[in-house]
Protein backbone atom coordinates (compact mmCIF):
# COMPACT_ATOMS: atom_id res chain seq x y z
CA UNK A 1 3.59 11.52 -6.43
CA UNK A 2 5.36 9.09 -4.01
CA UNK A 3 3.33 6.00 -3.33
CA UNK A 4 4.16 3.61 -0.48
CA UNK A 5 2.78 0.16 -1.16
CA UNK A 6 2.26 -2.08 1.87
CA UNK A 7 1.81 -5.87 1.96
CA UNK A 8 0.59 -6.23 5.58
CA UNK A 9 1.74 -8.77 8.11
CA UNK A 10 3.02 -8.95 11.65
CA UNK A 11 6.07 -11.21 11.16
CA UNK A 12 6.97 -9.69 7.76
CA UNK A 13 5.48 -6.58 6.21
CA UNK A 14 6.56 -5.77 2.67
CA UNK A 15 6.95 -2.22 1.38
CA UNK A 16 7.66 -0.67 -2.01
CA UNK A 17 8.10 3.01 -2.82
CA UNK A 18 7.25 4.35 -6.29
CA UNK A 19 7.72 7.80 -7.83
CA UNK A 20 5.05 8.52 -10.41
CA UNK A 21 5.99 12.13 -11.29
CA UNK A 22 7.72 11.19 -14.58
CA UNK A 23 6.29 9.65 -17.70
CA UNK A 24 6.68 6.17 -16.25
CA UNK A 25 6.57 4.95 -12.61
CA UNK A 26 9.99 4.49 -11.04
CA UNK A 27 10.91 2.19 -8.15
CA UNK A 28 12.69 4.15 -5.43
CA UNK A 29 13.16 1.26 -3.01
CA UNK A 30 11.61 -1.76 -1.41
CA UNK A 31 12.11 -4.14 1.50
CA UNK A 32 10.51 -5.64 4.52
CA UNK A 33 9.84 -4.78 8.14
CA UNK A 34 10.24 -7.84 10.33
CA UNK A 35 9.53 -8.58 13.97
CA UNK A 36 11.37 -11.23 16.07
CA UNK A 37 9.17 -14.29 16.58
CA UNK A 38 10.53 -14.85 20.10
CA UNK A 39 8.94 -11.63 21.36
CA UNK A 40 5.41 -11.50 22.78
CA UNK A 41 2.82 -10.55 20.16
CA UNK A 42 2.04 -7.09 21.65
CA UNK A 43 5.72 -6.12 21.50
CA UNK A 44 5.88 -7.30 17.89
CA UNK A 45 2.98 -4.99 17.06
CA UNK A 46 4.76 -2.11 18.82
CA UNK A 47 7.93 -2.72 16.72
CA UNK A 48 5.84 -2.78 13.59
CA UNK A 49 4.17 0.49 14.53
CA UNK A 50 7.48 2.21 15.35
CA UNK A 51 9.27 0.91 12.28
CA UNK A 52 6.43 1.95 10.01
CA UNK A 53 6.42 5.47 11.43
CA UNK A 54 10.21 5.61 10.82
CA UNK A 55 9.76 4.37 7.24
CA UNK A 56 7.13 7.03 6.57
CA UNK A 57 9.34 9.74 8.03
CA UNK A 58 12.28 8.69 5.83
CA UNK A 59 10.32 8.17 2.60
CA UNK A 60 7.75 10.94 2.92
CA UNK A 61 5.03 9.32 0.76
CA UNK A 62 2.12 11.30 -0.68
CA UNK A 63 -0.15 8.26 -0.41
CA UNK A 64 -0.12 4.74 0.88
CA UNK A 65 -1.68 1.71 -0.81
CA UNK A 66 -2.42 -1.22 1.50
CA UNK A 67 -3.65 -4.61 0.47
CA UNK A 68 -6.93 -5.79 1.98
CA UNK A 69 -6.80 -9.16 3.62
CA UNK A 70 -7.73 -12.39 1.90
CA UNK A 71 -8.75 -15.02 4.45
CA UNK A 72 -7.16 -18.35 3.57
CA UNK A 73 -7.40 -21.60 5.46
CA UNK A 74 -5.30 -20.63 8.47
CA UNK A 75 -7.60 -18.47 10.60
CA UNK A 76 -5.05 -18.11 13.44
CA UNK A 77 -2.51 -16.55 11.11
CA UNK A 78 -5.26 -14.44 9.56
CA UNK A 79 -6.16 -12.97 12.94
CA UNK A 80 -2.53 -12.04 13.65
CA UNK A 81 -2.17 -10.46 10.22
CA UNK A 82 -5.38 -8.54 10.85
CA UNK A 83 -3.91 -7.11 14.05
CA UNK A 84 -0.75 -6.19 12.13
CA UNK A 85 -2.79 -4.55 9.38
CA UNK A 86 -4.64 -2.52 11.97
CA UNK A 87 -1.38 -1.23 13.42
CA UNK A 88 -0.19 -0.36 9.91
CA UNK A 89 -3.35 1.60 9.15
CA UNK A 90 -3.09 3.39 12.52
CA UNK A 91 0.57 4.34 11.91
CA UNK A 92 -0.16 5.67 8.39
CA UNK A 93 -3.17 7.62 9.58
CA UNK A 94 -1.29 9.06 12.59
CA UNK A 95 1.50 10.16 10.20
CA UNK A 96 -1.06 11.96 8.01
CA UNK A 97 -0.61 9.78 4.96
CA UNK A 98 -3.78 9.24 2.88
CA UNK A 99 -4.52 5.51 2.80
CA UNK A 100 -6.07 3.62 -0.14
CA UNK A 101 -6.97 -0.05 0.04
CA UNK A 102 -7.06 -2.66 -2.71
CA UNK A 103 -8.13 -6.27 -2.82
CA UNK A 104 -5.71 -8.87 -4.20
CA UNK A 105 -7.96 -9.15 -7.28
CA UNK A 106 -7.82 -5.42 -7.90
CA UNK A 107 -4.01 -5.49 -7.68
CA UNK A 108 -3.85 -8.34 -10.17
CA UNK A 109 -6.30 -6.61 -12.52
CA UNK A 110 -4.30 -3.34 -12.43
CA UNK A 111 -0.92 -4.90 -12.90
CA UNK A 112 -1.56 -7.92 -15.19
CA UNK A 113 -4.97 -7.12 -16.65
CA UNK A 114 -6.55 -10.28 -15.21
CA UNK A 115 -7.96 -10.40 -11.71
CA UNK A 116 -7.23 -14.09 -11.28
CA UNK A 117 -3.57 -13.94 -12.40
CA UNK A 118 -0.99 -16.08 -10.63
CA UNK A 119 1.52 -14.58 -8.25
CA UNK A 120 4.45 -15.22 -10.66
CA UNK A 121 2.56 -13.35 -13.43
CA UNK A 122 2.11 -10.31 -11.18
CA UNK A 123 5.78 -10.37 -10.19
CA UNK A 124 6.91 -10.66 -13.81
CA UNK A 125 4.65 -7.92 -15.05
CA UNK A 126 5.73 -5.59 -12.17
CA UNK A 127 9.33 -6.29 -13.16
CA UNK A 128 8.62 -5.44 -16.77
CA UNK A 129 6.64 -2.30 -16.08
CA UNK A 130 9.31 -0.92 -13.76
CA UNK A 131 12.15 -2.15 -16.04
CA UNK A 132 13.75 -4.17 -13.23
CA UNK A 133 16.45 -6.73 -14.11
CA UNK A 134 14.77 -9.30 -11.80
CA UNK A 135 11.70 -9.51 -9.63
CA UNK A 136 12.06 -8.03 -6.14
CA UNK A 137 12.77 -10.33 -3.22
CA UNK A 138 11.45 -11.34 -0.79
CA UNK A 139 7.94 -11.93 -2.11
CA UNK A 140 6.46 -9.58 0.49
CA UNK A 141 8.42 -6.66 -1.02
CA UNK A 142 7.42 -7.72 -4.53
CA UNK A 143 3.78 -7.79 -3.47
CA UNK A 144 4.07 -4.30 -1.96
CA UNK A 145 5.51 -2.93 -5.18
CA UNK A 146 2.57 -4.34 -7.11
CA UNK A 147 0.14 -2.79 -4.61
CA UNK A 148 1.84 0.63 -5.12
CA UNK A 149 1.69 0.10 -8.90
CA UNK A 150 -2.06 -0.67 -8.58
CA UNK A 151 -2.63 2.67 -6.89
CA UNK A 152 -0.47 4.50 -9.46
CA UNK A 153 -2.56 3.05 -12.23
CA UNK A 154 -5.81 3.76 -10.40
CA UNK A 155 -4.77 7.39 -9.88
CA UNK A 156 -3.83 7.76 -13.57
CA UNK A 157 -7.12 6.38 -14.82
CA UNK A 158 -9.55 8.59 -16.67
CA UNK A 159 -11.99 8.60 -13.73
CA UNK A 160 -9.24 9.77 -11.31
CA UNK A 161 -8.26 12.52 -13.73
CA UNK A 162 -11.87 13.65 -13.97
CA UNK A 163 -12.12 13.76 -10.18
CA UNK A 164 -8.85 15.70 -9.98
CA UNK A 165 -10.04 18.24 -12.57
CA UNK A 166 -13.28 18.63 -10.59
CA UNK A 167 -11.30 19.28 -7.40
CA UNK A 168 -9.05 21.77 -9.17
CA UNK A 169 -12.06 23.54 -10.49
CA UNK A 170 -13.07 24.33 -6.91
CA UNK A 171 -9.70 25.97 -6.35
CA UNK A 172 -8.83 23.65 -3.49
CA UNK A 173 -7.04 20.59 -4.75
CA UNK A 174 -5.57 19.62 -1.38
CA UNK A 175 -9.02 19.58 0.21
CA UNK A 176 -10.31 17.50 -2.69
CA UNK A 177 -7.47 15.00 -2.21
CA UNK A 178 -8.25 14.74 1.53
CA UNK A 179 -11.95 14.20 0.73
CA UNK A 180 -11.02 11.57 -1.85
CA UNK A 181 -8.80 9.90 0.77
CA UNK A 182 -11.57 10.02 3.35
CA UNK A 183 -13.94 8.43 0.89
CA UNK A 184 -11.46 5.63 0.22
CA UNK A 185 -10.94 5.01 3.91
CA UNK A 186 -13.88 6.14 6.10
CA UNK A 187 -12.99 6.82 9.68
CA UNK A 188 -15.29 6.61 12.69
CA UNK A 189 -14.37 8.60 15.74
CA UNK A 190 -15.14 7.32 19.20
CA UNK A 191 -17.39 10.29 20.01
CA UNK A 192 -19.79 9.55 17.11
């Protein structure tokens, strides 16, 4: 399975791509999508949308793991990041990629084993798990890799395997995966 991890933003959005088909997860690539700060905000969102669609087309992920927002002290920045996150979710959904969302605490728990771990601990454990010589840079890319790793570990858990076996028992695994994705990210249509 190819998992695209996303650390959402509008100025800088981190991404990390993992392959989990082997015995251990493998990092295929990581980086950031940036938007020029001198452009008007709506144009920055358009660039983010277009670049994310291009990234999905090039990497062909089976699933996307996106971090949920944590509201800090700067509400103005948080609102902008919320807009960017919405554009990211729209692009992934339009591209047909199942989206799974994780809180920062869930990511820390999955990667380090402690939901209140410090950022440097998450980066170091990610580096060790993926056998990287050094932690990924910039931090946004490193965070995205950890988010993808969180999803990989969630999908390899005993409960996920039980759900997969249940879906295979019905003879329609793809439908089961789509239902699981829908449960992880409920969508409301405008005609409801």
